[in-house]
Amino acid sequence: MSEVNVNWFEIPVLNTARAAEFYATVLGTPLDTIDGPDGPMQVFAGSDGPAGALWPVDTPPAHGGVMVYLGCDDIDAALDRAVGAGGAIESARASIGPFGFIGRFRDTEGNVVALHSPAG
């Protein structure tokens, strides 16, 4: 099988500050701020620089859009933090066999985002 790399992702948000605080709480690390083409951007750090960003929009995100899987060491703890930060659990941690575990939450902006852990 050929290797596939995710080069970038954008999560649509109505309130960038609220969403940045939410994701910092869920992932246990703050987002970075970089100078983007239209001004400052809140970004998720990757191993080689920014991996994705919060994307300011004027209308609520549609349900059923792109599913983003964010790496996570402890899915249960991250889901609990998501609820504590104003989100909701969409699906609890579940096994995906030899590929690890996943869980899904709805963020403060209405997006459904997945968490993935190779070991639980």
PDB file of N, CA and C in Angstrom:
ATOM      1  N   MET A   1       0.839  -1.171   0.000  1.00  0.00           N
ATOM      2  CA  MET A   1       0.000   0.000   0.000  1.00  0.00           C
ATOM      3  C   MET A   1       0.892   1.245   0.000  1.00  0.00           C
ATOM      4  N   SER A   2       0.544   2.235  -0.767  1.00  0.00           N
ATOM      5  CA  SER A   2       1.298   3.478  -0.816  1.00  0.00           C
ATOM      6  C   SER A   2       1.019   4.319   0.422  1.00  0.00           C
ATOM      7  N   GLU A   3       2.024   5.050   0.849  1.00  0.00           N
ATOM      8  CA  GLU A   3       1.867   5.942   1.994  1.00  0.00           C
ATOM      9  C   GLU A   3       1.026   7.144   1.605  1.00  0.00           C
ATOM     10  N   VAL A   4       0.136   7.547   2.495  1.00  0.00           N
ATOM     11  CA  VAL A   4      -0.692   8.735   2.290  1.00  0.00           C
ATOM     12  C   VAL A   4      -0.416   9.701   3.422  1.00  0.00           C
ATOM     13  N   ASN A   5      -0.119  10.925   3.096  1.00  0.00           N
ATOM     14  CA  ASN A   5       0.121  11.959   4.100  1.00  0.00           C
ATOM     15  C   ASN A   5      -1.009  12.971   4.079  1.00  0.00           C
ATOM     16  N   VAL A   6      -1.433  13.381   5.232  1.00  0.00           N
ATOM     17  CA  VAL A   6      -2.391  14.477   5.319  1.00  0.00           C
ATOM     18  C   VAL A   6      -1.573  15.756   5.344  1.00  0.00           C
ATOM     19  N   ASN A   7      -1.746  16.590   4.342  1.00  0.00           N
ATOM     20  CA  ASN A   7      -0.946  17.807   4.238  1.00  0.00           C
ATOM     21  C   ASN A   7      -1.530  18.983   5.004  1.00  0.00           C
ATOM     22  N   TRP A   8      -2.842  19.023   5.144  1.00  0.00           N
ATOM     23  CA  TRP A   8      -3.482  20.184   5.762  1.00  0.00           C
ATOM     24  C   TRP A   8      -4.928  19.856   6.046  1.00  0.00           C
ATOM     25  N   PHE A   9      -5.506  20.473   7.051  1.00  0.00           N
ATOM     26  CA  PHE A   9      -6.937  20.386   7.289  1.00  0.00           C
ATOM     27  C   PHE A   9      -7.405  21.712   7.868  1.00  0.00           C
ATOM     28  N   GLU A  10      -8.647  22.031   7.637  1.00  0.00           N
ATOM     29  CA  GLU A  10      -9.250  23.234   8.197  1.00  0.00           C
ATOM     30  C   GLU A  10     -10.565  22.846   8.861  1.00  0.00           C
ATOM     31  N   ILE A  11     -10.772  23.340  10.073  1.00  0.00           N
ATOM     32  CA  ILE A  11     -12.003  23.094  10.806  1.00  0.00           C
ATOM     33  C   ILE A  11     -12.785  24.400  10.809  1.00  0.00           C
ATOM     34  N   PRO A  12     -13.973  24.422  10.174  1.00  0.00           N
ATOM     35  CA  PRO A  12     -14.753  25.659  10.136  1.00  0.00           C
ATOM     36  C   PRO A  12     -15.261  26.035  11.532  1.00  0.00           C
ATOM     37  N   VAL A  13     -15.139  27.321  11.883  1.00  0.00           N
ATOM     38  CA  VAL A  13     -15.549  27.799  13.202  1.00  0.00           C
ATOM     39  C   VAL A  13     -16.261  29.143  13.089  1.00  0.00           C
ATOM     40  N   LEU A  14     -17.251  29.325  13.937  1.00  0.00           N
ATOM     41  CA  LEU A  14     -17.949  30.611  14.008  1.00  0.00           C
ATOM     42  C   LEU A  14     -17.214  31.593  14.911  1.00  0.00           C
ATOM     43  N   ASN A  15     -16.559  31.093  15.949  1.00  0.00           N
ATOM     44  CA  ASN A  15     -15.874  31.918  16.933  1.00  0.00           C
ATOM     45  C   ASN A  15     -14.473  31.342  17.121  1.00  0.00           C
ATOM     46  N   THR A  16     -13.490  31.973  16.514  1.00  0.00           N
ATOM     47  CA  THR A  16     -12.129  31.438  16.514  1.00  0.00           C
ATOM     48  C   THR A  16     -11.545  31.339  17.919  1.00  0.00           C
ATOM     49  N   ALA A  17     -11.725  32.363  18.738  1.00  0.00           N
ATOM     50  CA  ALA A  17     -11.164  32.338  20.092  1.00  0.00           C
ATOM     51  C   ALA A  17     -11.770  31.201  20.907  1.00  0.00           C
ATOM     52  N   ARG A  18     -13.089  31.047  20.833  1.00  0.00           N
ATOM     53  CA  ARG A  18     -13.762  29.978  21.574  1.00  0.00           C
ATOM     54  C   ARG A  18     -13.284  28.609  21.094  1.00  0.00           C
ATOM     55  N   ALA A  19     -13.179  28.435  19.763  1.00  0.00           N
ATOM     56  CA  ALA A  19     -12.747  27.157  19.207  1.00  0.00           C
ATOM     57  C   ALA A  19     -11.296  26.860  19.570  1.00  0.00           C
ATOM     58  N   ALA A  20     -10.415  27.872  19.535  1.00  0.00           N
ATOM     59  CA  ALA A  20      -9.005  27.662  19.904  1.00  0.00           C
ATOM     60  C   ALA A  20      -8.903  27.216  21.357  1.00  0.00           C
ATOM     61  N   GLU A  21      -9.682  27.822  22.231  1.00  0.00           N
ATOM     62  CA  GLU A  21      -9.677  27.419  23.648  1.00  0.00           C
ATOM     63  C   GLU A  21     -10.203  25.991  23.794  1.00  0.00           C
ATOM     64  N   PHE A  22     -11.265  25.660  23.060  1.00  0.00           N
ATOM     65  CA  PHE A  22     -11.839  24.318  23.105  1.00  0.00           C
ATOM     66  C   PHE A  22     -10.804  23.272  22.699  1.00  0.00           C
ATOM     67  N   TYR A  23     -10.148  23.450  21.557  1.00  0.00           N
ATOM     68  CA  TYR A  23      -9.185  22.456  21.074  1.00  0.00           C
ATOM     69  C   TYR A  23      -7.941  22.400  21.958  1.00  0.00           C
ATOM     70  N   ALA A  24      -7.521  23.528  22.507  1.00  0.00           N
ATOM     71  CA  ALA A  24      -6.393  23.515  23.441  1.00  0.00           C
ATOM     72  C   ALA A  24      -6.738  22.697  24.679  1.00  0.00           C
ATOM     73  N   THR A  25      -7.963  22.819  25.146  1.00  0.00           N
ATOM     74  CA  THR A  25      -8.413  22.053  26.312  1.00  0.00           C
ATOM     75  C   THR A  25      -8.503  20.571  25.986  1.00  0.00           C
ATOM     76  N   VAL A  26      -9.133  20.230  24.874  1.00  0.00           N
ATOM     77  CA  VAL A  26      -9.314  18.819  24.504  1.00  0.00           C
ATOM     78  C   VAL A  26      -7.971  18.127  24.289  1.00  0.00           C
ATOM     79  N   LEU A  27      -7.060  18.774  23.569  1.00  0.00           N
ATOM     80  CA  LEU A  27      -5.785  18.149  23.213  1.00  0.00           C
ATOM     81  C   LEU A  27      -4.696  18.360  24.263  1.00  0.00           C
ATOM     82  N   GLY A  28      -4.969  19.224  25.245  1.00  0.00           N
ATOM     83  CA  GLY A  28      -4.001  19.447  26.303  1.00  0.00           C
ATOM     84  C   GLY A  28      -2.801  20.264  25.886  1.00  0.00           C
ATOM     85  N   THR A  29      -2.923  21.025  24.811  1.00  0.00           N
ATOM     86  CA  THR A  29      -1.835  21.867  24.332  1.00  0.00           C
ATOM     87  C   THR A  29      -2.430  23.028  23.535  1.00  0.00           C
ATOM     88  N   PRO A  30      -1.862  24.234  23.682  1.00  0.00           N
ATOM     89  CA  PRO A  30      -2.429  25.366  22.949  1.00  0.00           C
ATOM     90  C   PRO A  30      -2.161  25.289  21.448  1.00  0.00           C
ATOM     91  N   LEU A  31      -3.028  25.925  20.682  1.00  0.00           N
ATOM     92  CA  LEU A  31      -2.788  26.068  19.253  1.00  0.00           C
ATOM     93  C   LEU A  31      -1.754  27.173  19.056  1.00  0.00           C
ATOM     94  N   ASP A  32      -1.051  27.127  17.942  1.00  0.00           N
ATOM     95  CA  ASP A  32      -0.094  28.168  17.603  1.00  0.00           C
ATOM     96  C   ASP A  32      -0.800  29.243  16.788  1.00  0.00           C
ATOM     97  N   THR A  33      -0.225  30.428  16.769  1.00  0.00           N
ATOM     98  CA  THR A  33      -0.714  31.508  15.921  1.00  0.00           C
ATOM     99  C   THR A  33       0.368  31.814  14.896  1.00  0.00           C
ATOM    100  N   ILE A  34      -0.036  31.829  13.619  1.00  0.00           N
ATOM    101  CA  ILE A  34       0.910  32.185  12.556  1.00  0.00           C
ATOM    102  C   ILE A  34       0.308  33.301  11.717  1.00  0.00           C
ATOM    103  N   ASP A  35       1.139  33.963  10.940  1.00  0.00           N
ATOM    104  CA  ASP A  35       0.658  34.970   9.998  1.00  0.00           C
ATOM    105  C   ASP A  35       0.203  34.260   8.739  1.00  0.00           C
ATOM    106  N   GLY A  36      -1.107  34.270   8.498  1.00  0.00           N
ATOM    107  CA  GLY A  36      -1.671  33.646   7.313  1.00  0.00           C
ATOM    108  C   GLY A  36      -1.865  34.653   6.202  1.00  0.00           C
ATOM    109  N   PRO A  37      -2.366  34.218   5.065  1.00  0.00           N
ATOM    110  CA  PRO A  37      -2.546  35.115   3.926  1.00  0.00           C
ATOM    111  C   PRO A  37      -3.571  36.225   4.194  1.00  0.00           C
ATOM    112  N   ASP A  38      -4.510  35.980   5.132  1.00  0.00           N
ATOM    113  CA  ASP A  38      -5.533  36.983   5.447  1.00  0.00           C
ATOM    114  C   ASP A  38      -5.419  37.484   6.881  1.00  0.00           C
ATOM    115  N   GLY A  39      -4.260  37.303   7.501  1.00  0.00           N
ATOM    116  CA  GLY A  39      -4.063  37.723   8.885  1.00  0.00           C
ATOM    117  C   GLY A  39      -3.720  36.541   9.772  1.00  0.00           C
ATOM    118  N   PRO A  40      -3.736  36.757  11.089  1.00  0.00           N
ATOM    119  CA  PRO A  40      -3.358  35.687  12.017  1.00  0.00           C
ATOM    120  C   PRO A  40      -4.253  34.460  11.886  1.00  0.00           C
ATOM    121  N   MET A  41      -3.638  33.284  12.015  1.00  0.00           N
ATOM    122  CA  MET A  41      -4.368  32.016  11.943  1.00  0.00           C
ATOM    123  C   MET A  41      -4.040  31.193  13.183  1.00  0.00           C
ATOM    124  N   GLN A  42      -5.053  30.513  13.723  1.00  0.00           N
ATOM    125  CA  GLN A  42      -4.861  29.558  14.816  1.00  0.00           C
ATOM    126  C   GLN A  42      -4.609  28.206  14.170  1.00  0.00           C
ATOM    127  N   VAL A  43      -3.451  27.604  14.452  1.00  0.00           N
ATOM    128  CA  VAL A  43      -3.063  26.374  13.770  1.00  0.00           C
ATOM    129  C   VAL A  43      -2.704  25.265  14.752  1.00  0.00           C
ATOM    130  N   PHE A  44      -2.848  24.028  14.262  1.00  0.00           N
ATOM    131  CA  PHE A  44      -2.445  22.833  14.983  1.00  0.00           C
ATOM    132  C   PHE A  44      -1.016  22.511  14.560  1.00  0.00           C
ATOM    133  N   ALA A  45      -0.129  22.349  15.533  1.00  0.00           N
ATOM    134  CA  ALA A  45       1.271  22.062  15.229  1.00  0.00           C
ATOM    135  C   ALA A  45       1.431  20.633  14.744  1.00  0.00           C
ATOM    136  N   GLY A  46       2.233  20.459  13.706  1.00  0.00           N
ATOM    137  CA  GLY A  46       2.597  19.140  13.204  1.00  0.00           C
ATOM    138  C   GLY A  46       4.090  18.939  13.401  1.00  0.00           C
ATOM    139  N   SER A  47       4.595  17.801  13.038  1.00  0.00           N
ATOM    140  CA  SER A  47       6.023  17.525  13.222  1.00  0.00           C
ATOM    141  C   SER A  47       6.906  18.394  12.334  1.00  0.00           C
ATOM    142  N   ASP A  48       6.371  18.856  11.212  1.00  0.00           N
ATOM    143  CA  ASP A  48       7.148  19.687  10.291  1.00  0.00           C
ATOM    144  C   ASP A  48       6.565  21.081  10.129  1.00  0.00           C
ATOM    145  N   GLY A  49       5.859  21.580  11.143  1.00  0.00           N
ATOM    146  CA  GLY A  49       5.215  22.884  11.054  1.00  0.00           C
ATOM    147  C   GLY A  49       3.707  22.738  11.163  1.00  0.00           C
ATOM    148  N   PRO A  50       2.964  23.775  10.819  1.00  0.00           N
ATOM    149  CA  PRO A  50       1.506  23.711  10.948  1.00  0.00           C
ATOM    150  C   PRO A  50       0.908  22.579  10.116  1.00  0.00           C
ATOM    151  N   ALA A  51      -0.050  21.861  10.718  1.00  0.00           N
ATOM    152  CA  ALA A  51      -0.689  20.730  10.038  1.00  0.00           C
ATOM    153  C   ALA A  51      -2.114  21.046   9.611  1.00  0.00           C
ATOM    154  N   GLY A  52      -2.715  22.049  10.222  1.00  0.00           N
ATOM    155  CA  GLY A  52      -4.084  22.421   9.911  1.00  0.00           C
ATOM    156  C   GLY A  52      -4.455  23.659  10.705  1.00  0.00           C
ATOM    157  N   ALA A  53      -5.649  24.198  10.440  1.00  0.00           N
ATOM    158  CA  ALA A  53      -6.031  25.461  11.059  1.00  0.00           C
ATOM    159  C   ALA A  53      -7.524  25.523  11.349  1.00  0.00           C
ATOM    160  N   LEU A  54      -7.878  26.474  12.191  1.00  0.00           N
ATOM    161  CA  LEU A  54      -9.280  26.828  12.376  1.00  0.00           C
ATOM    162  C   LEU A  54      -9.624  27.801  11.259  1.00  0.00           C
ATOM    163  N   TRP A  55     -10.769  27.598  10.634  1.00  0.00           N
ATOM    164  CA  TRP A  55     -11.175  28.384   9.472  1.00  0.00           C
ATOM    165  C   TRP A  55     -12.418  29.196   9.827  1.00  0.00           C
ATOM    166  N   PRO A  56     -12.294  30.530   9.986  1.00  0.00           N
ATOM    167  CA  PRO A  56     -13.454  31.350  10.337  1.00  0.00           C
ATOM    168  C   PRO A  56     -14.492  31.364   9.207  1.00  0.00           C
ATOM    169  N   VAL A  57     -15.748  31.086   9.581  1.00  0.00           N
ATOM    170  CA  VAL A  57     -16.859  31.096   8.630  1.00  0.00           C
ATOM    171  C   VAL A  57     -18.002  31.917   9.220  1.00  0.00           C
ATOM    172  N   ASP A  58     -18.948  32.304   8.367  1.00  0.00           N
ATOM    173  CA  ASP A  58     -20.074  33.122   8.798  1.00  0.00           C
ATOM    174  C   ASP A  58     -21.349  32.324   9.065  1.00  0.00           C
ATOM    175  N   THR A  59     -21.393  31.077   8.618  1.00  0.00           N
ATOM    176  CA  THR A  59     -22.582  30.248   8.829  1.00  0.00           C
ATOM    177  C   THR A  59     -22.174  28.950   9.521  1.00  0.00           C
ATOM    178  N   PRO A  60     -23.054  28.358  10.309  1.00  0.00           N
ATOM    179  CA  PRO A  60     -22.699  27.127  11.024  1.00  0.00           C
ATOM    180  C   PRO A  60     -22.244  26.033  10.062  1.00  0.00           C
ATOM    181  N   PRO A  61     -21.233  25.255  10.477  1.00  0.00           N
ATOM    182  CA  PRO A  61     -20.757  24.150   9.639  1.00  0.00           C
ATOM    183  C   PRO A  61     -21.862  23.136   9.377  1.00  0.00           C
ATOM    184  N   ALA A  62     -21.823  22.536   8.212  1.00  0.00           N
ATOM    185  CA  ALA A  62     -22.801  21.509   7.851  1.00  0.00           C
ATOM    186  C   ALA A  62     -22.469  20.206   8.560  1.00  0.00           C
ATOM    187  N   HIS A  63     -23.488  19.449   8.927  1.00  0.00           N
ATOM    188  CA  HIS A  63     -23.284  18.141   9.538  1.00  0.00           C
ATOM    189  C   HIS A  63     -22.858  17.154   8.454  1.00  0.00           C
ATOM    190  N   GLY A  64     -21.914  16.291   8.781  1.00  0.00           N
ATOM    191  CA  GLY A  64     -21.513  15.251   7.836  1.00  0.00           C
ATOM    192  C   GLY A  64     -20.433  15.668   6.865  1.00  0.00           C
ATOM    193  N   GLY A  65     -19.666  16.711   7.192  1.00  0.00           N
ATOM    194  CA  GLY A  65     -18.590  17.142   6.315  1.00  0.00           C
ATOM    195  C   GLY A  65     -17.372  16.251   6.455  1.00  0.00           C
ATOM    196  N   VAL A  66     -16.212  16.774   6.188  1.00  0.00           N
ATOM    197  CA  VAL A  66     -14.959  16.040   6.257  1.00  0.00           C
ATOM    198  C   VAL A  66     -14.735  15.563   7.691  1.00  0.00           C
ATOM    199  N   MET A  67     -14.302  14.318   7.848  1.00  0.00           N
ATOM    200  CA  MET A  67     -13.987  13.782   9.169  1.00  0.00           C
ATOM    201  C   MET A  67     -12.491  13.887   9.381  1.00  0.00           C
ATOM    202  N   VAL A  68     -12.096  14.626  10.373  1.00  0.00           N
ATOM    203  CA  VAL A  68     -10.698  14.800  10.725  1.00  0.00           C
ATOM    204  C   VAL A  68     -10.408  13.899  11.923  1.00  0.00           C
ATOM    205  N   TYR A  69      -9.323  13.136  11.863  1.00  0.00           N
ATOM    206  CA  TYR A  69      -8.898  12.295  12.978  1.00  0.00           C
ATOM    207  C   TYR A  69      -7.658  12.925  13.602  1.00  0.00           C
ATOM    208  N   LEU A  70      -7.772  13.337  14.850  1.00  0.00           N
ATOM    209  CA  LEU A  70      -6.656  13.943  15.565  1.00  0.00           C
ATOM    210  C   LEU A  70      -6.022  12.890  16.466  1.00  0.00           C
ATOM    211  N   GLY A  71      -4.692  12.819  16.449  1.00  0.00           N
ATOM    212  CA  GLY A  71      -3.980  11.870  17.290  1.00  0.00           C
ATOM    213  C   GLY A  71      -4.159  12.193  18.757  1.00  0.00           C
ATOM    214  N   CYS A  72      -4.254  11.149  19.582  1.00  0.00           N
ATOM    215  CA  CYS A  72      -4.563  11.329  20.986  1.00  0.00           C
ATOM    216  C   CYS A  72      -4.056  10.128  21.771  1.00  0.00           C
ATOM    217  N   ASP A  73      -3.421  10.354  22.922  1.00  0.00           N
ATOM    218  CA  ASP A  73      -2.933   9.245  23.744  1.00  0.00           C
ATOM    219  C   ASP A  73      -4.031   8.599  24.571  1.00  0.00           C
ATOM    220  N   ASP A  74      -4.977   9.396  25.071  1.00  0.00           N
ATOM    221  CA  ASP A  74      -6.022   8.899  25.961  1.00  0.00           C
ATOM    222  C   ASP A  74      -7.374   9.422  25.481  1.00  0.00           C
ATOM    223  N   ILE A  75      -8.068   8.629  24.687  1.00  0.00           N
ATOM    224  CA  ILE A  75      -9.327   9.061  24.081  1.00  0.00           C
ATOM    225  C   ILE A  75     -10.376   9.370  25.134  1.00  0.00           C
ATOM    226  N   ASP A  76     -10.510   8.520  26.151  1.00  0.00           N
ATOM    227  CA  ASP A  76     -11.523   8.763  27.182  1.00  0.00           C
ATOM    228  C   ASP A  76     -11.297  10.101  27.878  1.00  0.00           C
ATOM    229  N   ALA A  77     -10.063  10.392  28.232  1.00  0.00           N
ATOM    230  CA  ALA A  77      -9.756  11.660  28.896  1.00  0.00           C
ATOM    231  C   ALA A  77     -10.032  12.841  27.968  1.00  0.00           C
ATOM    232  N   ALA A  78      -9.669  12.709  26.697  1.00  0.00           N
ATOM    233  CA  ALA A  78      -9.905  13.794  25.746  1.00  0.00           C
ATOM    234  C   ALA A  78     -11.403  14.025  25.539  1.00  0.00           C
ATOM    235  N   LEU A  79     -12.186  12.937  25.465  1.00  0.00           N
ATOM    236  CA  LEU A  79     -13.639  13.090  25.327  1.00  0.00           C
ATOM    237  C   LEU A  79     -14.224  13.775  26.553  1.00  0.00           C
ATOM    238  N   ASP A  80     -13.741  13.421  27.732  1.00  0.00           N
ATOM    239  CA  ASP A  80     -14.200  14.090  28.952  1.00  0.00           C
ATOM    240  C   ASP A  80     -13.865  15.575  28.919  1.00  0.00           C
ATOM    241  N   ARG A  81     -12.661  15.903  28.447  1.00  0.00           N
ATOM    242  CA  ARG A  81     -12.272  17.313  28.351  1.00  0.00           C
ATOM    243  C   ARG A  81     -13.129  18.042  27.327  1.00  0.00           C
ATOM    244  N   ALA A  82     -13.497  17.346  26.237  1.00  0.00           N
ATOM    245  CA  ALA A  82     -14.359  17.961  25.221  1.00  0.00           C
ATOM    246  C   ALA A  82     -15.689  18.367  25.839  1.00  0.00           C
ATOM    247  N   VAL A  83     -16.281  17.478  26.629  1.00  0.00           N
ATOM    248  CA  VAL A  83     -17.554  17.792  27.294  1.00  0.00           C
ATOM    249  C   VAL A  83     -17.369  18.956  28.263  1.00  0.00           C
ATOM    250  N   GLY A  84     -16.293  18.922  29.045  1.00  0.00           N
ATOM    251  CA  GLY A  84     -16.015  19.987  30.001  1.00  0.00           C
ATOM    252  C   GLY A  84     -15.781  21.336  29.350  1.00  0.00           C
ATOM    253  N   ALA A  85     -15.326  21.331  28.103  1.00  0.00           N
ATOM    254  CA  ALA A  85     -15.051  22.572  27.381  1.00  0.00           C
ATOM    255  C   ALA A  85     -16.248  23.059  26.567  1.00  0.00           C
ATOM    256  N   GLY A  86     -17.384  22.353  26.676  1.00  0.00           N
ATOM    257  CA  GLY A  86     -18.585  22.803  25.976  1.00  0.00           C
ATOM    258  C   GLY A  86     -18.983  21.970  24.790  1.00  0.00           C
ATOM    259  N   GLY A  87     -18.279  20.884  24.518  1.00  0.00           N
ATOM    260  CA  GLY A  87     -18.613  20.008  23.403  1.00  0.00           C
ATOM    261  C   GLY A  87     -19.509  18.871  23.856  1.00  0.00           C
ATOM    262  N   ALA A  88     -19.705  17.903  22.992  1.00  0.00           N
ATOM    263  CA  ALA A  88     -20.550  16.742  23.297  1.00  0.00           C
ATOM    264  C   ALA A  88     -19.929  15.502  22.664  1.00  0.00           C
ATOM    265  N   ILE A  89     -20.083  14.370  23.330  1.00  0.00           N
ATOM    266  CA  ILE A  89     -19.581  13.110  22.788  1.00  0.00           C
ATOM    267  C   ILE A  89     -20.546  12.615  21.725  1.00  0.00           C
ATOM    268  N   GLU A  90     -20.024  12.323  20.550  1.00  0.00           N
ATOM    269  CA  GLU A  90     -20.811  11.743  19.463  1.00  0.00           C
ATOM    270  C   GLU A  90     -20.732  10.225  19.502  1.00  0.00           C
ATOM    271  N   SER A  91     -19.540   9.681  19.796  1.00  0.00           N
ATOM    272  CA  SER A  91     -19.382   8.244  19.980  1.00  0.00           C
ATOM    273  C   SER A  91     -18.211   8.002  20.924  1.00  0.00           C
ATOM    274  N   ALA A  92     -18.429   7.128  21.899  1.00  0.00           N
ATOM    275  CA  ALA A  92     -17.412   6.805  22.894  1.00  0.00           C
ATOM    276  C   ALA A  92     -16.266   6.047  22.233  1.00  0.00           C
ATOM    277  N   ARG A  93     -15.181   5.882  22.987  1.00  0.00           N
ATOM    278  CA  ARG A  93     -14.017   5.147  22.489  1.00  0.00           C
ATOM    279  C   ARG A  93     -14.445   3.756  22.048  1.00  0.00           C
ATOM    280  N   ALA A  94     -13.997   3.361  20.865  1.00  0.00           N
ATOM    281  CA  ALA A  94     -14.339   2.053  20.309  1.00  0.00           C
ATOM    282  C   ALA A  94     -13.124   1.490  19.587  1.00  0.00           C
ATOM    283  N   SER A  95     -12.983   0.191  19.625  1.00  0.00           N
ATOM    284  CA  SER A  95     -11.884  -0.489  18.948  1.00  0.00           C
ATOM    285  C   SER A  95     -12.097  -0.497  17.443  1.00  0.00           C
ATOM    286  N   ILE A  96     -11.010  -0.317  16.729  1.00  0.00           N
ATOM    287  CA  ILE A  96     -11.014  -0.523  15.277  1.00  0.00           C
ATOM    288  C   ILE A  96      -9.996  -1.621  14.947  1.00  0.00           C
ATOM    289  N   GLY A  97      -9.994  -2.627  15.824  1.00  0.00           N
ATOM    290  CA  GLY A  97      -9.136  -3.786  15.627  1.00  0.00           C
ATOM    291  C   GLY A  97      -7.663  -3.446  15.702  1.00  0.00           C
ATOM    292  N   PRO A  98      -6.869  -3.961  14.771  1.00  0.00           N
ATOM    293  CA  PRO A  98      -5.420  -3.750  14.835  1.00  0.00           C
ATOM    294  C   PRO A  98      -5.003  -2.301  14.583  1.00  0.00           C
ATOM    295  N   PHE A  99      -5.956  -1.455  14.214  1.00  0.00           N
ATOM    296  CA  PHE A  99      -5.643  -0.051  13.919  1.00  0.00           C
ATOM    297  C   PHE A  99      -5.778   0.841  15.145  1.00  0.00           C
ATOM    298  N   GLY A 100      -6.230   0.292  16.279  1.00  0.00           N
ATOM    299  CA  GLY A 100      -6.311   1.080  17.498  1.00  0.00           C
ATOM    300  C   GLY A 100      -7.731   1.375  17.922  1.00  0.00           C
ATOM    301  N   PHE A 101      -7.947   2.616  18.335  1.00  0.00           N
ATOM    302  CA  PHE A 101      -9.234   3.031  18.884  1.00  0.00           C
ATOM    303  C   PHE A 101      -9.594   4.417  18.355  1.00  0.00           C
ATOM    304  N   ILE A 102     -10.891   4.677  18.287  1.00  0.00           N
ATOM    305  CA  ILE A 102     -11.379   5.990  17.886  1.00  0.00           C
ATOM    306  C   ILE A 102     -12.510   6.421  18.815  1.00  0.00           C
ATOM    307  N   GLY A 103     -12.773   7.696  18.832  1.00  0.00           N
ATOM    308  CA  GLY A 103     -13.912   8.290  19.517  1.00  0.00           C
ATOM    309  C   GLY A 103     -14.235   9.576  18.788  1.00  0.00           C
ATOM    310  N   ARG A 104     -15.482  10.028  18.889  1.00  0.00           N
ATOM    311  CA  ARG A 104     -15.871  11.253  18.174  1.00  0.00           C
ATOM    312  C   ARG A 104     -16.590  12.215  19.112  1.00  0.00           C
ATOM    313  N   PHE A 105     -16.370  13.514  18.874  1.00  0.00           N
ATOM    314  CA  PHE A 105     -17.060  14.547  19.642  1.00  0.00           C
ATOM    315  C   PHE A 105     -17.549  15.645  18.707  1.00  0.00           C
ATOM    316  N   ARG A 106     -18.527  16.412  19.200  1.00  0.00           N
ATOM    317  CA  ARG A 106     -18.996  17.609  18.497  1.00  0.00           C
ATOM    318  C   ARG A 106     -18.373  18.790  19.222  1.00  0.00           C
ATOM    319  N   ASP A 107     -17.711  19.679  18.480  1.00  0.00           N
ATOM    320  CA  ASP A 107     -17.055  20.821  19.112  1.00  0.00           C
ATOM    321  C   ASP A 107     -18.030  21.963  19.353  1.00  0.00           C
ATOM    322  N   THR A 108     -17.526  23.059  19.882  1.00  0.00           N
ATOM    323  CA  THR A 108     -18.365  24.219  20.201  1.00  0.00           C
ATOM    324  C   THR A 108     -18.913  24.911  18.966  1.00  0.00           C
ATOM    325  N   GLU A 109     -18.404  24.556  17.793  1.00  0.00           N
ATOM    326  CA  GLU A 109     -18.836  25.187  16.549  1.00  0.00           C
ATOM    327  C   GLU A 109     -19.780  24.310  15.742  1.00  0.00           C
ATOM    328  N   GLY A 110     -20.056  23.103  16.216  1.00  0.00           N
ATOM    329  CA  GLY A 110     -20.972  22.202  15.520  1.00  0.00           C
ATOM    330  C   GLY A 110     -20.289  21.148  14.665  1.00  0.00           C
ATOM    331  N   ASN A 111     -18.948  21.139  14.611  1.00  0.00           N
ATOM    332  CA  ASN A 111     -18.216  20.140  13.834  1.00  0.00           C
ATOM    333  C   ASN A 111     -18.118  18.830  14.591  1.00  0.00           C
ATOM    334  N   VAL A 112     -18.181  17.708  13.880  1.00  0.00           N
ATOM    335  CA  VAL A 112     -17.884  16.408  14.471  1.00  0.00           C
ATOM    336  C   VAL A 112     -16.455  16.071  14.083  1.00  0.00           C
ATOM    337  N   VAL A 113     -15.627  15.807  15.118  1.00  0.00           N
ATOM    338  CA  VAL A 113     -14.218  15.524  14.926  1.00  0.00           C
ATOM    339  C   VAL A 113     -13.912  14.204  15.625  1.00  0.00           C
ATOM    340  N   ALA A 114     -13.011  13.422  15.036  1.00  0.00           N
ATOM    341  CA  ALA A 114     -12.647  12.122  15.601  1.00  0.00           C
ATOM    342  C   ALA A 114     -11.269  12.197  16.261  1.00  0.00           C
ATOM    343  N   LEU A 115     -11.095  11.324  17.241  1.00  0.00           N
ATOM    344  CA  LEU A 115      -9.805  11.124  17.892  1.00  0.00           C
ATOM    345  C   LEU A 115      -9.334   9.717  17.568  1.00  0.00           C
ATOM    346  N   HIS A 116      -8.033   9.531  17.391  1.00  0.00           N
ATOM    347  CA  HIS A 116      -7.477   8.209  17.101  1.00  0.00           C
ATOM    348  C   HIS A 116      -6.295   7.937  18.008  1.00  0.00           C
ATOM    349  N   SER A 117      -6.243   6.743  18.544  1.00  0.00           N
ATOM    350  CA  SER A 117      -5.097   6.291  19.326  1.00  0.00           C
ATOM    351  C   SER A 117      -4.723   4.886  18.866  1.00  0.00           C
ATOM    352  N   PRO A 118      -3.458   4.644  18.578  1.00  0.00           N
ATOM    353  CA  PRO A 118      -3.075   3.300  18.156  1.00  0.00           C
ATOM    354  C   PRO A 118      -3.145   2.269  19.286  1.00  0.00           C
ATOM    355  N   ALA A 119      -3.170   2.742  20.554  1.00  0.00           N
ATOM    356  CA  ALA A 119      -3.102   1.778  21.665  1.00  0.00           C
ATOM    357  C   ALA A 119      -4.138   2.005  22.763  1.00  0.00           C
ATOM    358  N   GLY A 120      -5.234   2.654  22.491  1.00  0.00           N
ATOM    359  CA  GLY A 120      -6.267   2.762  23.513  1.00  0.00           C
ATOM    360  C   GLY A 120      -6.408   4.116  24.036  1.00  0.00           C
TER     361      GLY A 120
END
